[in-house]
Amino acid sequence: MLNSAYSFEDAQKNRVSFPPATAPGIVRKEWREQWANATEKEKDAMRWFSSDCMSVLNSNKENMPNDLNGYLNLMGNMKDYIERYNHCPGVDQTVYESLVNVCNKFETELNKYN
């Protein structure tokens, strides 16, 4: 923030990490816990997944999820989105599998609150 013209409030609104600051607390908590318990390989997959999530969310700002069910729906949409990596030329199949694992694990944790 020191090297940008953003105020603290603008920095919070313009974060490019998943989950965004506007996500419900339980969503942010579960992502933090998943990150804390992840291996380095799992963290790499989480970074990739996070980037894809933010791409999906930023391209669809008018339908930004604002509750637990919205994020559960997003996980369903993400499964469709990451299908593009399945048997994609030039992309190792383990990338697809690791992204599916991240999505499924996160969705399972969120479903515990539903």
C-alpha atoms as a PDB file:
ATOM      1  CA  MET A   1       0.000   0.000   0.000  1.00  0.00           C
ATOM      2  CA  LEU A   2       2.955   2.327   0.631  1.00  0.00           C
ATOM      3  CA  ASN A   3       3.870   2.218  -3.061  1.00  0.00           C
ATOM      4  CA  SER A   4       0.371   2.874  -4.350  1.00  0.00           C
ATOM      5  CA  ALA A   5      -2.115   5.703  -4.370  1.00  0.00           C
ATOM      6  CA  TYR A   6      -4.725   3.544  -2.636  1.00  0.00           C
ATOM      7  CA  SER A   7      -6.243   4.483   0.663  1.00  0.00           C
ATOM      8  CA  PHE A   8      -6.750   1.613   3.094  1.00  0.00           C
ATOM      9  CA  GLU A   9     -10.418   1.415   2.084  1.00  0.00           C
ATOM     10  CA  ASP A  10      -9.543   1.345  -1.629  1.00  0.00           C
ATOM     11  CA  ALA A  11      -6.918  -1.327  -1.027  1.00  0.00           C
ATOM     12  CA  GLN A  12      -9.526  -3.492   0.715  1.00  0.00           C
ATOM     13  CA  LYS A  13     -11.984  -3.050  -2.155  1.00  0.00           C
ATOM     14  CA  ASN A  14      -9.370  -3.764  -4.843  1.00  0.00           C
ATOM     15  CA  ARG A  15      -7.700  -6.844  -3.372  1.00  0.00           C
ATOM     16  CA  VAL A  16      -6.874  -9.458  -5.919  1.00  0.00           C
ATOM     17  CA  SER A  17      -6.744 -12.438  -3.639  1.00  0.00           C
ATOM     18  CA  PHE A  18      -9.214 -15.146  -2.884  1.00  0.00           C
ATOM     19  CA  PRO A  19     -11.431 -14.980  -0.999  1.00  0.00           C
ATOM     20  CA  PRO A  20     -12.054 -11.256  -1.340  1.00  0.00           C
ATOM     21  CA  ALA A  21     -12.409  -9.079   1.759  1.00  0.00           C
ATOM     22  CA  THR A  22     -16.167  -8.967   1.127  1.00  0.00           C
ATOM     23  CA  ALA A  23     -16.530 -12.746   1.548  1.00  0.00           C
ATOM     24  CA  PRO A  24     -18.336 -13.979   4.643  1.00  0.00           C
ATOM     25  CA  GLY A  25     -16.057 -14.608   7.618  1.00  0.00           C
ATOM     26  CA  ILE A  26     -16.596 -18.368   7.536  1.00  0.00           C
ATOM     27  CA  VAL A  27     -15.417 -18.504   3.913  1.00  0.00           C
ATOM     28  CA  ARG A  28     -12.253 -16.535   4.735  1.00  0.00           C
ATOM     29  CA  LYS A  29     -11.666 -18.648   7.866  1.00  0.00           C
ATOM     30  CA  GLU A  30     -11.950 -21.956   6.017  1.00  0.00           C
ATOM     31  CA  TRP A  31      -9.598 -20.779   3.262  1.00  0.00           C
ATOM     32  CA  ARG A  32      -7.031 -19.633   5.859  1.00  0.00           C
ATOM     33  CA  GLU A  33      -7.248 -22.981   7.660  1.00  0.00           C
ATOM     34  CA  GLN A  34      -6.928 -24.915   4.412  1.00  0.00           C
ATOM     35  CA  TRP A  35      -3.865 -22.802   3.572  1.00  0.00           C
ATOM     36  CA  ALA A  36      -2.324 -23.287   7.018  1.00  0.00           C
ATOM     37  CA  ASN A  37      -2.618 -27.075   6.739  1.00  0.00           C
ATOM     38  CA  ALA A  38      -1.500 -27.352   3.108  1.00  0.00           C
ATOM     39  CA  THR A  39       1.775 -28.759   1.836  1.00  0.00           C
ATOM     40  CA  GLU A  40       3.872 -26.620  -0.529  1.00  0.00           C
ATOM     41  CA  LYS A  41       2.467 -28.542  -3.494  1.00  0.00           C
ATOM     42  CA  GLU A  42      -1.089 -27.936  -2.246  1.00  0.00           C
ATOM     43  CA  LYS A  43      -0.304 -24.238  -1.749  1.00  0.00           C
ATOM     44  CA  ASP A  44       0.806 -24.024  -5.380  1.00  0.00           C
ATOM     45  CA  ALA A  45      -2.548 -25.495  -6.441  1.00  0.00           C
ATOM     46  CA  MET A  46      -4.369 -23.109  -4.090  1.00  0.00           C
ATOM     47  CA  ARG A  47      -2.565 -20.126  -5.648  1.00  0.00           C
ATOM     48  CA  TRP A  48      -3.595 -21.247  -9.134  1.00  0.00           C
ATOM     49  CA  PHE A  49      -7.160 -21.920  -7.967  1.00  0.00           C
ATOM     50  CA  SER A  50      -7.269 -18.525  -6.223  1.00  0.00           C
ATOM     51  CA  SER A  51      -6.196 -16.791  -9.409  1.00  0.00           C
ATOM     52  CA  ASP A  52      -8.856 -18.606 -11.425  1.00  0.00           C
ATOM     53  CA  CYS A  53     -11.509 -17.770  -8.794  1.00  0.00           C
ATOM     54  CA  MET A  54     -10.655 -14.093  -8.909  1.00  0.00           C
ATOM     55  CA  SER A  55     -10.819 -14.157 -12.719  1.00  0.00           C
ATOM     56  CA  VAL A  56     -14.294 -15.666 -12.547  1.00  0.00           C
ATOM     57  CA  LEU A  57     -15.427 -13.244  -9.830  1.00  0.00           C
ATOM     58  CA  ASN A  58     -13.987 -10.164 -11.558  1.00  0.00           C
ATOM     59  CA  SER A  59     -15.617 -11.080 -14.859  1.00  0.00           C
ATOM     60  CA  ASN A  60     -18.978 -11.386 -13.122  1.00  0.00           C
ATOM     61  CA  LYS A  61     -18.987  -8.562 -10.556  1.00  0.00           C
ATOM     62  CA  GLU A  62     -22.738  -8.059 -10.679  1.00  0.00           C
ATOM     63  CA  ASN A  63     -23.237 -11.582  -9.324  1.00  0.00           C
ATOM     64  CA  MET A  64     -20.552 -11.451  -6.609  1.00  0.00           C
ATOM     65  CA  PRO A  65     -21.473 -13.982  -3.919  1.00  0.00           C
ATOM     66  CA  ASN A  66     -22.223 -12.404  -0.562  1.00  0.00           C
ATOM     67  CA  ASP A  67     -23.222 -15.410   1.536  1.00  0.00           C
ATOM     68  CA  LEU A  68     -22.256 -19.026   2.132  1.00  0.00           C
ATOM     69  CA  ASN A  69     -24.637 -20.356  -0.524  1.00  0.00           C
ATOM     70  CA  GLY A  70     -23.147 -17.951  -3.054  1.00  0.00           C
ATOM     71  CA  TYR A  71     -19.695 -19.376  -2.412  1.00  0.00           C
ATOM     72  CA  LEU A  72     -21.003 -22.929  -2.601  1.00  0.00           C
ATOM     73  CA  ASN A  73     -22.498 -22.040  -5.997  1.00  0.00           C
ATOM     74  CA  LEU A  74     -19.160 -20.507  -6.975  1.00  0.00           C
ATOM     75  CA  MET A  75     -17.432 -23.819  -6.224  1.00  0.00           C
ATOM     76  CA  GLY A  76     -19.841 -25.509  -8.638  1.00  0.00           C
ATOM     77  CA  ASN A  77     -19.020 -22.883 -11.256  1.00  0.00           C
ATOM     78  CA  MET A  78     -15.313 -23.331 -10.574  1.00  0.00           C
ATOM     79  CA  LYS A  79     -15.568 -27.057 -11.265  1.00  0.00           C
ATOM     80  CA  ASP A  80     -16.951 -26.178 -14.693  1.00  0.00           C
ATOM     81  CA  TYR A  81     -14.265 -23.516 -15.185  1.00  0.00           C
ATOM     82  CA  ILE A  82     -11.302 -25.732 -14.289  1.00  0.00           C
ATOM     83  CA  GLU A  83     -12.570 -28.428 -16.623  1.00  0.00           C
ATOM     84  CA  ARG A  84     -10.646 -26.481 -19.294  1.00  0.00           C
ATOM     85  CA  TYR A  85      -7.442 -27.924 -17.809  1.00  0.00           C
ATOM     86  CA  ASN A  86      -8.636 -31.516 -18.196  1.00  0.00           C
ATOM     87  CA  HIS A  87      -6.536 -33.113 -20.952  1.00  0.00           C
ATOM     88  CA  CYS A  88      -5.419 -29.660 -22.118  1.00  0.00           C
ATOM     89  CA  PRO A  89      -2.436 -29.807 -24.475  1.00  0.00           C
ATOM     90  CA  GLY A  90       0.630 -28.378 -22.773  1.00  0.00           C
ATOM     91  CA  VAL A  91      -0.843 -28.610 -19.272  1.00  0.00           C
ATOM     92  CA  ASP A  92       0.129 -31.549 -17.094  1.00  0.00           C
ATOM     93  CA  GLN A  93      -2.883 -33.599 -15.979  1.00  0.00           C
ATOM     94  CA  THR A  94      -1.758 -33.234 -12.358  1.00  0.00           C
ATOM     95  CA  VAL A  95      -2.587 -29.513 -12.583  1.00  0.00           C
ATOM     96  CA  TYR A  96      -6.212 -30.333 -13.323  1.00  0.00           C
ATOM     97  CA  GLU A  97      -6.339 -32.969 -10.605  1.00  0.00           C
ATOM     98  CA  SER A  98      -4.821 -30.657  -7.996  1.00  0.00           C
ATOM     99  CA  LEU A  99      -7.299 -27.880  -8.842  1.00  0.00           C
ATOM    100  CA  VAL A 100     -10.223 -30.288  -8.549  1.00  0.00           C
ATOM    101  CA  ASN A 101      -8.857 -31.443  -5.193  1.00  0.00           C
ATOM    102  CA  VAL A 102      -8.630 -27.852  -3.903  1.00  0.00           C
ATOM    103  CA  CYS A 103     -12.174 -27.118  -5.049  1.00  0.00           C
ATOM    104  CA  ASN A 104     -13.635 -30.309  -3.598  1.00  0.00           C
ATOM    105  CA  LYS A 105     -11.844 -29.915  -0.283  1.00  0.00           C
ATOM    106  CA  PHE A 106     -12.931 -26.294   0.099  1.00  0.00           C
ATOM    107  CA  GLU A 107     -16.507 -27.101  -0.900  1.00  0.00           C
ATOM    108  CA  THR A 108     -16.614 -29.953   1.640  1.00  0.00           C
ATOM    109  CA  GLU A 109     -15.480 -27.613   4.408  1.00  0.00           C
ATOM    110  CA  LEU A 110     -18.044 -24.953   3.454  1.00  0.00           C
ATOM    111  CA  ASN A 111     -20.820 -27.555   3.331  1.00  0.00           C
ATOM    112  CA  LYS A 112     -20.267 -28.242   7.022  1.00  0.00           C
ATOM    113  CA  TYR A 113     -21.871 -24.854   7.730  1.00  0.00           C
ATOM    114  CA  ASN A 114     -24.806 -25.233   5.393  1.00  0.00           C
END
